[in-house]
Amino acid sequence: MKKIAVVAANGRVAKKVIGEALDRGNEVVAFGRHAENDTAAKTYIRKDILDLTREDLSGFDAVVDAFGAWAPEALPGHSTTLKHLCDVLSGTDVRLVIVGGAGSLYLDKEHKTQLVESPDFPEAFKPLATAMGKALAELRQRKDVKWTYISPAADFQADGDRTGKYILAGEELTVNPKGESIISYADYAIALVDEIEKGNHIQQRISVVRG
């Protein structure tokens, strides 16, 4: 059993992660901004990410950062909140597992071109992908934190089926045998909890696609 903190716990991915972790018998504490607990966690603490302290997050095996912001004025929060969590966890053995984005996945083995730079990438998602990519670039400089960044496939489906099958990949955009870059929130949650329970991709970005 692992003791897991999920921050920004009111989001849809976070709720899937919480449910998956609890179903496996892990202990989960949810930190969120909503007044009421709308997650499956029995322990819920109302607190903004930027107000979290070292004491709040001590004693956990892993902290899941499920922060997400889409409004233009909120996009810098991807960097500021991640930096704050890194500062809080600096020098500890607590793993920081980040719900990442797909836009920063590479399209070439030389790692010179990212998905967000491709001609077919939706214009509406470019600001978000760019903000998340910037946060990842900053995260890569942190050698004092046991972080793991998990990018979903390009088509990240909120209401997709829980198949229980996924392919674990790395820095490059990967497709499954059907040629798809797709994964549901539910299958992503399986991969993330698997990483916490038995993975060891410390200071690495990994990615997942439906198997």
N, C-alpha and C. Protein backbone atom coordinates (compact mmCIF):
# COMPACT_ATOMS: atom_id res chain seq x y z
N MET A 1 0.84 -1.20 0.00
CA MET A 1 0.00 0.00 0.00
C MET A 1 0.87 1.25 0.00
N LYS A 2 0.51 2.20 -0.81
CA LYS A 2 1.22 3.47 -0.87
C LYS A 2 0.34 4.58 -0.26
N LYS A 3 1.01 5.58 0.28
CA LYS A 3 0.29 6.76 0.76
C LYS A 3 0.50 7.85 -0.30
N ILE A 4 -0.61 8.27 -0.91
CA ILE A 4 -0.55 9.15 -2.07
C ILE A 4 -1.32 10.44 -1.82
N ALA A 5 -0.70 11.57 -2.11
CA ALA A 5 -1.39 12.86 -2.09
C ALA A 5 -1.71 13.24 -3.52
N VAL A 6 -2.92 13.69 -3.76
CA VAL A 6 -3.31 14.18 -5.07
C VAL A 6 -3.67 15.65 -4.93
N VAL A 7 -2.94 16.52 -5.61
CA VAL A 7 -3.20 17.95 -5.53
C VAL A 7 -3.92 18.41 -6.79
N ALA A 8 -4.70 19.47 -6.65
CA ALA A 8 -5.64 19.87 -7.70
C ALA A 8 -6.60 18.72 -7.93
N ALA A 9 -7.11 18.19 -6.83
CA ALA A 9 -7.84 16.92 -6.83
C ALA A 9 -9.25 17.00 -7.41
N ASN A 10 -9.75 18.18 -7.69
CA ASN A 10 -11.12 18.31 -8.17
C ASN A 10 -11.28 18.11 -9.68
N GLY A 11 -10.16 17.99 -10.38
CA GLY A 11 -10.22 17.81 -11.83
C GLY A 11 -10.60 16.39 -12.23
N ARG A 12 -10.95 16.22 -13.49
CA ARG A 12 -11.45 14.92 -13.95
C ARG A 12 -10.36 13.84 -13.99
N VAL A 13 -9.16 14.20 -14.41
CA VAL A 13 -8.08 13.21 -14.38
C VAL A 13 -7.75 12.85 -12.94
N ALA A 14 -7.67 13.85 -12.08
CA ALA A 14 -7.36 13.61 -10.67
C ALA A 14 -8.36 12.64 -10.05
N LYS A 15 -9.62 12.82 -10.35
CA LYS A 15 -10.65 11.94 -9.77
C LYS A 15 -10.48 10.51 -10.24
N LYS A 16 -10.09 10.32 -11.50
CA LYS A 16 -9.83 8.97 -12.01
C LYS A 16 -8.64 8.35 -11.29
N VAL A 17 -7.60 9.15 -11.06
CA VAL A 17 -6.41 8.66 -10.37
C VAL A 17 -6.76 8.28 -8.93
N ILE A 18 -7.52 9.13 -8.27
CA ILE A 18 -7.93 8.85 -6.89
C ILE A 18 -8.72 7.55 -6.82
N GLY A 19 -9.69 7.40 -7.71
CA GLY A 19 -10.50 6.19 -7.72
C GLY A 19 -9.68 4.94 -7.97
N GLU A 20 -8.76 5.03 -8.93
CA GLU A 20 -7.90 3.88 -9.26
C GLU A 20 -7.01 3.51 -8.08
N ALA A 21 -6.42 4.50 -7.45
CA ALA A 21 -5.53 4.25 -6.32
C ALA A 21 -6.29 3.64 -5.14
N LEU A 22 -7.48 4.15 -4.87
CA LEU A 22 -8.28 3.63 -3.76
C LEU A 22 -8.74 2.20 -4.04
N ASP A 23 -9.12 1.91 -5.27
CA ASP A 23 -9.58 0.57 -5.63
C ASP A 23 -8.50 -0.49 -5.40
N ARG A 24 -7.25 -0.05 -5.41
CA ARG A 24 -6.14 -0.98 -5.20
C ARG A 24 -5.72 -1.04 -3.73
N GLY A 25 -6.41 -0.31 -2.88
CA GLY A 25 -6.11 -0.37 -1.46
C GLY A 25 -5.08 0.63 -0.98
N ASN A 26 -4.74 1.59 -1.82
CA ASN A 26 -3.81 2.64 -1.40
C ASN A 26 -4.52 3.67 -0.54
N GLU A 27 -3.74 4.39 0.24
CA GLU A 27 -4.28 5.49 1.05
C GLU A 27 -4.12 6.80 0.26
N VAL A 28 -5.20 7.54 0.13
CA VAL A 28 -5.17 8.75 -0.67
C VAL A 28 -5.68 9.94 0.13
N VAL A 29 -4.92 11.03 0.08
CA VAL A 29 -5.36 12.30 0.65
C VAL A 29 -5.49 13.28 -0.52
N ALA A 30 -6.65 13.89 -0.64
CA ALA A 30 -6.91 14.81 -1.73
C ALA A 30 -6.80 16.25 -1.25
N PHE A 31 -6.11 17.07 -2.04
CA PHE A 31 -6.00 18.50 -1.77
C PHE A 31 -6.66 19.24 -2.93
N GLY A 32 -7.64 20.07 -2.62
CA GLY A 32 -8.34 20.76 -3.69
C GLY A 32 -8.84 22.13 -3.27
N ARG A 33 -9.38 22.86 -4.24
CA ARG A 33 -9.84 24.23 -3.97
C ARG A 33 -11.33 24.30 -3.68
N HIS A 34 -12.07 23.26 -4.02
CA HIS A 34 -13.52 23.28 -3.78
C HIS A 34 -13.82 23.22 -2.29
N ALA A 35 -14.91 23.85 -1.90
CA ALA A 35 -15.30 23.85 -0.49
C ALA A 35 -15.70 22.46 -0.03
N GLU A 36 -16.36 21.72 -0.91
CA GLU A 36 -16.82 20.38 -0.54
C GLU A 36 -15.98 19.32 -1.26
N ASN A 37 -15.87 18.17 -0.62
CA ASN A 37 -15.12 17.06 -1.21
C ASN A 37 -15.95 16.38 -2.30
N ASP A 38 -15.57 16.60 -3.54
CA ASP A 38 -16.27 15.95 -4.65
C ASP A 38 -15.42 14.83 -5.26
N THR A 39 -14.50 14.31 -4.45
CA THR A 39 -13.66 13.18 -4.86
C THR A 39 -14.05 11.95 -4.05
N ALA A 40 -13.46 10.80 -4.41
CA ALA A 40 -13.73 9.56 -3.69
C ALA A 40 -12.85 9.40 -2.45
N ALA A 41 -11.91 10.32 -2.26
CA ALA A 41 -11.01 10.22 -1.10
C ALA A 41 -11.76 10.53 0.20
N LYS A 42 -11.47 9.76 1.22
CA LYS A 42 -12.12 10.00 2.52
C LYS A 42 -11.53 11.22 3.21
N THR A 43 -10.25 11.47 2.95
CA THR A 43 -9.59 12.62 3.54
C THR A 43 -9.39 13.69 2.47
N TYR A 44 -10.01 14.84 2.70
CA TYR A 44 -9.95 15.94 1.74
C TYR A 44 -9.55 17.20 2.48
N ILE A 45 -8.55 17.89 1.96
CA ILE A 45 -8.08 19.13 2.57
C ILE A 45 -8.23 20.26 1.56
N ARG A 46 -8.98 21.26 1.93
CA ARG A 46 -9.18 22.39 1.03
C ARG A 46 -7.97 23.32 1.12
N LYS A 47 -7.18 23.32 0.06
CA LYS A 47 -5.97 24.14 0.07
C LYS A 47 -5.47 24.32 -1.36
N ASP A 48 -5.12 25.54 -1.71
CA ASP A 48 -4.56 25.85 -3.01
C ASP A 48 -3.14 25.30 -3.10
N ILE A 49 -2.73 24.90 -4.30
CA ILE A 49 -1.37 24.35 -4.47
C ILE A 49 -0.31 25.30 -3.92
N LEU A 50 -0.44 26.57 -4.23
CA LEU A 50 0.60 27.53 -3.84
C LEU A 50 0.65 27.78 -2.33
N ASP A 51 -0.34 27.25 -1.61
CA ASP A 51 -0.34 27.36 -0.15
C ASP A 51 0.16 26.10 0.54
N LEU A 52 0.43 25.05 -0.23
CA LEU A 52 0.90 23.80 0.35
C LEU A 52 2.31 23.97 0.90
N THR A 53 2.55 23.33 2.03
CA THR A 53 3.85 23.43 2.69
C THR A 53 4.55 22.08 2.72
N ARG A 54 5.80 22.11 3.10
CA ARG A 54 6.59 20.88 3.25
C ARG A 54 5.92 19.94 4.24
N GLU A 55 5.37 20.52 5.30
CA GLU A 55 4.69 19.72 6.32
C GLU A 55 3.45 19.05 5.75
N ASP A 56 2.71 19.76 4.90
CA ASP A 56 1.49 19.19 4.30
C ASP A 56 1.80 17.92 3.53
N LEU A 57 2.94 17.89 2.84
CA LEU A 57 3.24 16.81 1.91
C LEU A 57 4.29 15.83 2.45
N SER A 58 4.61 15.93 3.71
CA SER A 58 5.58 14.99 4.28
C SER A 58 4.86 13.68 4.64
N GLY A 59 5.60 12.59 4.58
CA GLY A 59 5.04 11.30 4.95
C GLY A 59 4.36 10.56 3.82
N PHE A 60 4.29 11.18 2.64
CA PHE A 60 3.68 10.51 1.49
C PHE A 60 4.75 9.78 0.69
N ASP A 61 4.33 8.70 0.02
CA ASP A 61 5.22 8.03 -0.92
C ASP A 61 5.27 8.79 -2.23
N ALA A 62 4.14 9.39 -2.60
CA ALA A 62 4.08 10.12 -3.87
C ALA A 62 3.07 11.25 -3.79
N VAL A 63 3.36 12.30 -4.52
CA VAL A 63 2.43 13.41 -4.70
C VAL A 63 2.10 13.48 -6.18
N VAL A 64 0.81 13.45 -6.50
CA VAL A 64 0.36 13.55 -7.89
C VAL A 64 -0.06 14.98 -8.16
N ASP A 65 0.58 15.60 -9.13
CA ASP A 65 0.25 16.97 -9.52
C ASP A 65 -0.70 16.90 -10.72
N ALA A 66 -1.97 17.17 -10.45
CA ALA A 66 -2.99 17.11 -11.50
C ALA A 66 -3.47 18.50 -11.90
N PHE A 67 -2.63 19.50 -11.68
CA PHE A 67 -3.02 20.87 -12.01
C PHE A 67 -3.32 21.01 -13.49
N GLY A 68 -4.38 21.76 -13.78
CA GLY A 68 -4.71 22.05 -15.17
C GLY A 68 -5.38 23.41 -15.27
N ALA A 69 -4.97 24.21 -16.22
CA ALA A 69 -5.58 25.53 -16.43
C ALA A 69 -5.63 25.81 -17.92
N TRP A 70 -6.75 26.35 -18.38
CA TRP A 70 -6.94 26.59 -19.81
C TRP A 70 -7.12 28.06 -20.16
N ALA A 71 -7.63 28.84 -19.23
CA ALA A 71 -7.82 30.26 -19.50
C ALA A 71 -6.47 30.93 -19.73
N PRO A 72 -6.38 31.82 -20.72
CA PRO A 72 -5.09 32.43 -21.06
C PRO A 72 -4.36 33.05 -19.86
N GLU A 73 -5.11 33.73 -19.00
CA GLU A 73 -4.47 34.39 -17.86
C GLU A 73 -3.96 33.40 -16.80
N ALA A 74 -4.46 32.16 -16.86
CA ALA A 74 -4.08 31.15 -15.87
C ALA A 74 -2.96 30.22 -16.35
N LEU A 75 -2.62 30.28 -17.63
CA LEU A 75 -1.63 29.35 -18.19
C LEU A 75 -0.26 29.40 -17.50
N PRO A 76 0.23 30.57 -17.07
CA PRO A 76 1.52 30.58 -16.35
C PRO A 76 1.50 29.75 -15.08
N GLY A 77 0.32 29.43 -14.59
CA GLY A 77 0.20 28.61 -13.39
C GLY A 77 0.82 27.23 -13.53
N HIS A 78 0.92 26.74 -14.75
CA HIS A 78 1.56 25.44 -14.95
C HIS A 78 3.01 25.48 -14.47
N SER A 79 3.68 26.58 -14.72
CA SER A 79 5.06 26.73 -14.27
C SER A 79 5.15 27.07 -12.80
N THR A 80 4.34 28.02 -12.35
CA THR A 80 4.47 28.49 -10.96
C THR A 80 4.06 27.41 -9.96
N THR A 81 3.00 26.66 -10.26
CA THR A 81 2.57 25.62 -9.32
C THR A 81 3.57 24.47 -9.28
N LEU A 82 4.10 24.10 -10.44
CA LEU A 82 5.07 23.00 -10.48
C LEU A 82 6.36 23.39 -9.76
N LYS A 83 6.80 24.61 -9.96
CA LYS A 83 7.99 25.09 -9.25
C LYS A 83 7.76 25.05 -7.75
N HIS A 84 6.57 25.47 -7.31
CA HIS A 84 6.27 25.47 -5.88
C HIS A 84 6.32 24.05 -5.31
N LEU A 85 5.71 23.10 -6.01
CA LEU A 85 5.73 21.72 -5.53
C LEU A 85 7.16 21.17 -5.48
N CYS A 86 7.96 21.51 -6.48
CA CYS A 86 9.36 21.08 -6.48
C CYS A 86 10.12 21.68 -5.30
N ASP A 87 9.89 22.94 -5.03
CA ASP A 87 10.56 23.59 -3.90
C ASP A 87 10.15 22.94 -2.58
N VAL A 88 8.87 22.61 -2.45
CA VAL A 88 8.37 21.98 -1.23
C VAL A 88 8.97 20.58 -1.03
N LEU A 89 9.12 19.85 -2.13
CA LEU A 89 9.60 18.46 -2.04
C LEU A 89 11.11 18.32 -2.24
N SER A 90 11.79 19.41 -2.45
CA SER A 90 13.23 19.40 -2.71
C SER A 90 13.99 18.63 -1.63
N GLY A 91 14.83 17.68 -2.08
CA GLY A 91 15.68 16.95 -1.16
C GLY A 91 15.00 15.83 -0.38
N THR A 92 13.73 15.59 -0.64
CA THR A 92 13.01 14.52 0.05
C THR A 92 12.93 13.27 -0.83
N ASP A 93 12.44 12.18 -0.24
CA ASP A 93 12.26 10.94 -1.00
C ASP A 93 10.85 10.81 -1.57
N VAL A 94 10.04 11.84 -1.38
CA VAL A 94 8.67 11.81 -1.90
C VAL A 94 8.70 11.97 -3.42
N ARG A 95 8.06 11.05 -4.12
CA ARG A 95 8.00 11.16 -5.58
C ARG A 95 6.96 12.19 -6.00
N LEU A 96 7.29 12.94 -7.02
CA LEU A 96 6.36 13.90 -7.60
C LEU A 96 6.00 13.39 -8.99
N VAL A 97 4.74 13.01 -9.17
CA VAL A 97 4.28 12.44 -10.44
C VAL A 97 3.32 13.44 -11.09
N ILE A 98 3.68 13.92 -12.27
CA ILE A 98 2.95 15.01 -12.90
C ILE A 98 2.07 14.51 -14.03
N VAL A 99 0.80 14.92 -14.01
CA VAL A 99 -0.10 14.68 -15.12
C VAL A 99 0.28 15.67 -16.21
N GLY A 100 0.92 15.18 -17.25
CA GLY A 100 1.49 16.07 -18.26
C GLY A 100 0.63 16.22 -19.50
N GLY A 101 1.22 16.81 -20.52
CA GLY A 101 0.54 17.03 -21.79
C GLY A 101 1.23 16.30 -22.91
N ALA A 102 0.54 16.18 -24.04
CA ALA A 102 1.09 15.47 -25.20
C ALA A 102 1.84 16.39 -26.16
N GLY A 103 1.56 17.68 -26.11
CA GLY A 103 2.13 18.61 -27.08
C GLY A 103 3.64 18.66 -27.12
N SER A 104 4.28 18.30 -26.00
CA SER A 104 5.74 18.36 -25.93
C SER A 104 6.41 17.05 -26.35
N LEU A 105 5.62 16.04 -26.73
CA LEU A 105 6.21 14.80 -27.23
C LEU A 105 6.91 15.07 -28.56
N TYR A 106 8.00 14.36 -28.78
CA TYR A 106 8.80 14.59 -29.98
C TYR A 106 8.32 13.73 -31.16
N LEU A 107 8.49 14.27 -32.35
CA LEU A 107 8.10 13.57 -33.57
C LEU A 107 9.28 12.94 -34.28
N ASP A 108 10.48 13.18 -33.78
CA ASP A 108 11.69 12.67 -34.42
C ASP A 108 12.65 12.13 -33.37
N LYS A 109 13.51 11.22 -33.79
CA LYS A 109 14.46 10.60 -32.87
C LYS A 109 15.51 11.58 -32.38
N GLU A 110 15.70 12.66 -33.14
CA GLU A 110 16.69 13.67 -32.74
C GLU A 110 16.13 14.63 -31.69
N HIS A 111 14.84 14.53 -31.43
CA HIS A 111 14.15 15.37 -30.43
C HIS A 111 14.29 16.86 -30.75
N LYS A 112 14.04 17.18 -32.01
CA LYS A 112 14.10 18.58 -32.43
C LYS A 112 12.72 19.17 -32.73
N THR A 113 11.75 18.31 -33.02
CA THR A 113 10.41 18.78 -33.37
C THR A 113 9.38 18.17 -32.44
N GLN A 114 8.57 19.03 -31.83
CA GLN A 114 7.53 18.57 -30.91
C GLN A 114 6.18 18.55 -31.62
N LEU A 115 5.27 17.76 -31.05
CA LEU A 115 3.94 17.62 -31.62
C LEU A 115 3.26 18.98 -31.78
N VAL A 116 3.43 19.88 -30.82
CA VAL A 116 2.80 21.19 -30.87
C VAL A 116 3.26 22.00 -32.09
N GLU A 117 4.41 21.66 -32.64
CA GLU A 117 4.96 22.39 -33.78
C GLU A 117 4.51 21.81 -35.13
N SER A 118 3.77 20.72 -35.09
CA SER A 118 3.33 20.10 -36.34
C SER A 118 2.19 20.89 -36.96
N PRO A 119 2.06 20.86 -38.29
CA PRO A 119 1.04 21.66 -38.99
C PRO A 119 -0.39 21.33 -38.60
N ASP A 120 -0.63 20.08 -38.21
CA ASP A 120 -2.00 19.66 -37.92
C ASP A 120 -2.40 19.85 -36.46
N PHE A 121 -1.49 20.37 -35.66
CA PHE A 121 -1.82 20.56 -34.24
C PHE A 121 -2.88 21.65 -34.11
N PRO A 122 -3.98 21.38 -33.39
CA PRO A 122 -5.07 22.36 -33.30
C PRO A 122 -4.62 23.70 -32.72
N GLU A 123 -4.94 24.75 -33.41
CA GLU A 123 -4.51 26.10 -33.00
C GLU A 123 -5.03 26.43 -31.61
N ALA A 124 -6.23 25.99 -31.29
CA ALA A 124 -6.85 26.33 -30.01
C ALA A 124 -6.08 25.76 -28.81
N PHE A 125 -5.34 24.67 -29.04
CA PHE A 125 -4.64 24.02 -27.93
C PHE A 125 -3.17 24.44 -27.83
N LYS A 126 -2.71 25.25 -28.77
CA LYS A 126 -1.29 25.62 -28.77
C LYS A 126 -0.87 26.40 -27.52
N PRO A 127 -1.66 27.38 -27.06
CA PRO A 127 -1.24 28.10 -25.85
C PRO A 127 -1.08 27.17 -24.65
N LEU A 128 -2.02 26.24 -24.47
CA LEU A 128 -1.94 25.30 -23.36
C LEU A 128 -0.72 24.39 -23.51
N ALA A 129 -0.53 23.84 -24.71
CA ALA A 129 0.60 22.94 -24.94
C ALA A 129 1.93 23.66 -24.74
N THR A 130 1.99 24.91 -25.16
CA THR A 130 3.21 25.69 -24.99
C THR A 130 3.51 25.95 -23.52
N ALA A 131 2.48 26.27 -22.76
CA ALA A 131 2.65 26.52 -21.32
C ALA A 131 3.09 25.26 -20.59
N MET A 132 2.48 24.14 -20.95
CA MET A 132 2.86 22.87 -20.31
C MET A 132 4.27 22.45 -20.73
N GLY A 133 4.63 22.72 -21.98
CA GLY A 133 5.97 22.40 -22.44
C GLY A 133 7.03 23.23 -21.73
N LYS A 134 6.70 24.47 -21.46
CA LYS A 134 7.63 25.35 -20.72
C LYS A 134 7.84 24.82 -19.31
N ALA A 135 6.75 24.39 -18.67
CA ALA A 135 6.84 23.85 -17.32
C ALA A 135 7.70 22.58 -17.30
N LEU A 136 7.56 21.75 -18.32
CA LEU A 136 8.37 20.53 -18.40
C LEU A 136 9.84 20.88 -18.58
N ALA A 137 10.13 21.85 -19.44
CA ALA A 137 11.52 22.26 -19.67
C ALA A 137 12.16 22.75 -18.37
N GLU A 138 11.39 23.46 -17.58
CA GLU A 138 11.89 23.94 -16.29
C GLU A 138 12.06 22.79 -15.31
N LEU A 139 11.14 21.84 -15.37
CA LEU A 139 11.21 20.67 -14.49
C LEU A 139 12.48 19.86 -14.74
N ARG A 140 12.87 19.78 -15.99
CA ARG A 140 14.06 18.99 -16.34
C ARG A 140 15.33 19.51 -15.65
N GLN A 141 15.31 20.76 -15.22
CA GLN A 141 16.48 21.34 -14.55
C GLN A 141 16.56 20.95 -13.08
N ARG A 142 15.47 20.35 -12.56
CA ARG A 142 15.42 20.03 -11.13
C ARG A 142 16.05 18.66 -10.87
N LYS A 143 17.24 18.68 -10.31
CA LYS A 143 17.93 17.44 -9.94
C LYS A 143 17.74 17.12 -8.46
N ASP A 144 16.96 17.96 -7.78
CA ASP A 144 16.77 17.82 -6.34
C ASP A 144 15.41 17.22 -5.98
N VAL A 145 14.68 16.76 -7.01
CA VAL A 145 13.33 16.23 -6.80
C VAL A 145 13.18 14.92 -7.56
N LYS A 146 12.50 13.95 -6.95
CA LYS A 146 12.26 12.65 -7.60
C LYS A 146 10.98 12.74 -8.43
N TRP A 147 11.08 13.43 -9.56
CA TRP A 147 9.90 13.68 -10.38
C TRP A 147 9.78 12.67 -11.52
N THR A 148 8.55 12.46 -11.94
CA THR A 148 8.23 11.69 -13.15
C THR A 148 7.09 12.41 -13.86
N TYR A 149 7.29 12.70 -15.13
CA TYR A 149 6.29 13.43 -15.93
C TYR A 149 5.66 12.45 -16.90
N ILE A 150 4.34 12.32 -16.85
CA ILE A 150 3.65 11.33 -17.68
C ILE A 150 2.77 12.04 -18.71
N SER A 151 3.16 11.92 -19.98
CA SER A 151 2.39 12.50 -21.07
C SER A 151 1.37 11.49 -21.58
N PRO A 152 0.15 11.94 -21.83
CA PRO A 152 -0.84 11.05 -22.44
C PRO A 152 -0.62 10.99 -23.95
N ALA A 153 -1.38 10.13 -24.61
CA ALA A 153 -1.39 10.11 -26.07
C ALA A 153 -2.03 11.39 -26.58
N ALA A 154 -1.91 11.63 -27.89
CA ALA A 154 -2.41 12.88 -28.48
C ALA A 154 -3.92 13.04 -28.28
N ASP A 155 -4.66 11.95 -28.42
CA ASP A 155 -6.11 11.99 -28.22
C ASP A 155 -6.40 11.49 -26.81
N PHE A 156 -6.59 12.42 -25.90
CA PHE A 156 -6.77 12.13 -24.47
C PHE A 156 -8.27 12.23 -24.17
N GLN A 157 -8.92 11.08 -24.02
CA GLN A 157 -10.37 11.02 -23.98
C GLN A 157 -10.93 10.94 -22.56
N ALA A 158 -11.66 11.98 -22.18
CA ALA A 158 -12.22 12.04 -20.84
C ALA A 158 -13.18 10.90 -20.55
N ASP A 159 -14.00 10.55 -21.52
CA ASP A 159 -15.03 9.55 -21.30
C ASP A 159 -14.74 8.22 -22.00
N GLY A 160 -13.48 8.03 -22.36
CA GLY A 160 -13.11 6.78 -23.03
C GLY A 160 -13.20 5.59 -22.11
N ASP A 161 -13.25 4.40 -22.70
CA ASP A 161 -13.38 3.17 -21.94
C ASP A 161 -12.14 2.87 -21.11
N ARG A 162 -12.36 2.14 -20.02
CA ARG A 162 -11.26 1.61 -19.22
C ARG A 162 -10.95 0.21 -19.76
N THR A 163 -9.94 0.12 -20.61
CA THR A 163 -9.60 -1.16 -21.22
C THR A 163 -8.63 -1.97 -20.37
N GLY A 164 -7.87 -1.27 -19.54
CA GLY A 164 -6.87 -1.93 -18.72
C GLY A 164 -5.59 -2.27 -19.47
N LYS A 165 -5.49 -1.82 -20.71
CA LYS A 165 -4.31 -2.11 -21.53
C LYS A 165 -3.67 -0.82 -22.02
N TYR A 166 -2.39 -0.72 -21.83
CA TYR A 166 -1.68 0.46 -22.32
C TYR A 166 -0.24 0.10 -22.66
N ILE A 167 0.35 0.93 -23.50
CA ILE A 167 1.76 0.79 -23.88
C ILE A 167 2.53 1.91 -23.22
N LEU A 168 3.58 1.56 -22.50
CA LEU A 168 4.44 2.56 -21.87
C LEU A 168 5.54 2.95 -22.85
N ALA A 169 5.64 4.22 -23.13
CA ALA A 169 6.63 4.72 -24.10
C ALA A 169 7.47 5.82 -23.45
N GLY A 170 8.25 6.50 -24.29
CA GLY A 170 9.16 7.51 -23.76
C GLY A 170 8.87 8.91 -24.26
N GLU A 171 9.91 9.56 -24.77
CA GLU A 171 9.84 10.97 -25.14
C GLU A 171 9.16 11.21 -26.49
N GLU A 172 9.04 10.15 -27.29
CA GLU A 172 8.53 10.33 -28.65
C GLU A 172 7.07 9.90 -28.76
N LEU A 173 6.33 10.61 -29.59
CA LEU A 173 4.93 10.25 -29.84
C LEU A 173 4.87 8.82 -30.38
N THR A 174 4.11 7.98 -29.70
CA THR A 174 4.05 6.57 -30.03
C THR A 174 2.63 6.18 -30.38
N VAL A 175 2.48 5.37 -31.41
CA VAL A 175 1.15 4.88 -31.76
C VAL A 175 1.06 3.39 -31.44
N ASN A 176 -0.16 2.91 -31.23
CA ASN A 176 -0.36 1.50 -30.94
C ASN A 176 -0.42 0.69 -32.24
N PRO A 177 -0.58 -0.63 -32.16
CA PRO A 177 -0.61 -1.45 -33.38
C PRO A 177 -1.69 -1.04 -34.39
N LYS A 178 -2.72 -0.34 -33.92
CA LYS A 178 -3.77 0.13 -34.83
C LYS A 178 -3.42 1.49 -35.45
N GLY A 179 -2.25 2.01 -35.11
CA GLY A 179 -1.84 3.31 -35.63
C GLY A 179 -2.46 4.48 -34.89
N GLU A 180 -2.97 4.23 -33.68
CA GLU A 180 -3.65 5.27 -32.91
C GLU A 180 -2.74 5.88 -31.85
N SER A 181 -2.89 7.17 -31.63
CA SER A 181 -2.31 7.83 -30.47
C SER A 181 -3.48 8.28 -29.62
N ILE A 182 -3.94 7.37 -28.77
CA ILE A 182 -5.19 7.58 -28.04
C ILE A 182 -5.10 6.91 -26.68
N ILE A 183 -5.70 7.52 -25.68
CA ILE A 183 -5.83 6.88 -24.37
C ILE A 183 -6.95 7.57 -23.60
N SER A 184 -7.65 6.80 -22.81
CA SER A 184 -8.73 7.35 -21.98
C SER A 184 -8.16 7.84 -20.65
N TYR A 185 -8.91 8.72 -20.00
CA TYR A 185 -8.50 9.15 -18.66
C TYR A 185 -8.38 7.94 -17.74
N ALA A 186 -9.29 6.98 -17.88
CA ALA A 186 -9.29 5.80 -17.01
C ALA A 186 -8.04 4.96 -17.19
N ASP A 187 -7.64 4.72 -18.44
CA ASP A 187 -6.43 3.93 -18.69
C ASP A 187 -5.18 4.71 -18.31
N TYR A 188 -5.22 6.02 -18.50
CA TYR A 188 -4.10 6.86 -18.07
C TYR A 188 -3.91 6.74 -16.55
N ALA A 189 -5.03 6.73 -15.83
CA ALA A 189 -4.97 6.60 -14.37
C ALA A 189 -4.34 5.27 -13.96
N ILE A 190 -4.66 4.21 -14.70
CA ILE A 190 -4.05 2.91 -14.42
C ILE A 190 -2.53 3.01 -14.56
N ALA A 191 -2.09 3.60 -15.66
CA ALA A 191 -0.65 3.73 -15.91
C ALA A 191 0.03 4.57 -14.83
N LEU A 192 -0.62 5.65 -14.41
CA LEU A 192 -0.02 6.52 -13.41
C LEU A 192 0.11 5.81 -12.07
N VAL A 193 -0.94 5.11 -11.66
CA VAL A 193 -0.86 4.39 -10.37
C VAL A 193 0.13 3.24 -10.46
N ASP A 194 0.20 2.58 -11.62
CA ASP A 194 1.23 1.55 -11.82
C ASP A 194 2.62 2.14 -11.60
N GLU A 195 2.84 3.33 -12.13
CA GLU A 195 4.14 3.99 -11.99
C GLU A 195 4.46 4.25 -10.53
N ILE A 196 3.48 4.69 -9.77
CA ILE A 196 3.70 4.94 -8.35
C ILE A 196 4.00 3.64 -7.61
N GLU A 197 3.28 2.58 -7.95
CA GLU A 197 3.42 1.32 -7.23
C GLU A 197 4.68 0.54 -7.60
N LYS A 198 5.08 0.58 -8.87
CA LYS A 198 6.20 -0.27 -9.26
C LYS A 198 7.16 0.35 -10.27
N GLY A 199 6.92 1.60 -10.66
CA GLY A 199 7.79 2.25 -11.63
C GLY A 199 8.98 2.92 -10.98
N ASN A 200 9.97 3.21 -11.79
CA ASN A 200 11.18 3.84 -11.27
C ASN A 200 11.76 4.82 -12.27
N HIS A 201 10.88 5.56 -12.95
CA HIS A 201 11.35 6.52 -13.96
C HIS A 201 11.63 7.87 -13.31
N ILE A 202 12.65 7.88 -12.48
CA ILE A 202 12.98 9.09 -11.72
C ILE A 202 13.66 10.11 -12.63
N GLN A 203 13.16 11.35 -12.58
CA GLN A 203 13.66 12.45 -13.40
C GLN A 203 13.60 12.07 -14.89
N GLN A 204 12.46 11.48 -15.26
CA GLN A 204 12.22 11.11 -16.65
C GLN A 204 10.81 11.50 -17.06
N ARG A 205 10.64 11.77 -18.37
CA ARG A 205 9.31 11.92 -18.94
C ARG A 205 8.98 10.61 -19.66
N ILE A 206 7.83 10.06 -19.35
CA ILE A 206 7.35 8.87 -20.02
C ILE A 206 6.01 9.21 -20.65
N SER A 207 5.51 8.32 -21.49
CA SER A 207 4.22 8.55 -22.13
C SER A 207 3.44 7.24 -22.21
N VAL A 208 2.12 7.36 -22.40
CA VAL A 208 1.29 6.17 -22.44
C VAL A 208 0.27 6.28 -23.57
N VAL A 209 -0.01 5.13 -24.19
CA VAL A 209 -0.98 5.05 -25.27
C VAL A 209 -1.76 3.76 -25.08
N ARG A 210 -3.00 3.74 -25.51
CA ARG A 210 -3.83 2.55 -25.37
C ARG A 210 -3.17 1.35 -26.07
N GLY A 211 -3.19 0.21 -25.40
CA GLY A 211 -2.59 -0.99 -25.95
C GLY A 211 -3.47 -1.67 -27.00
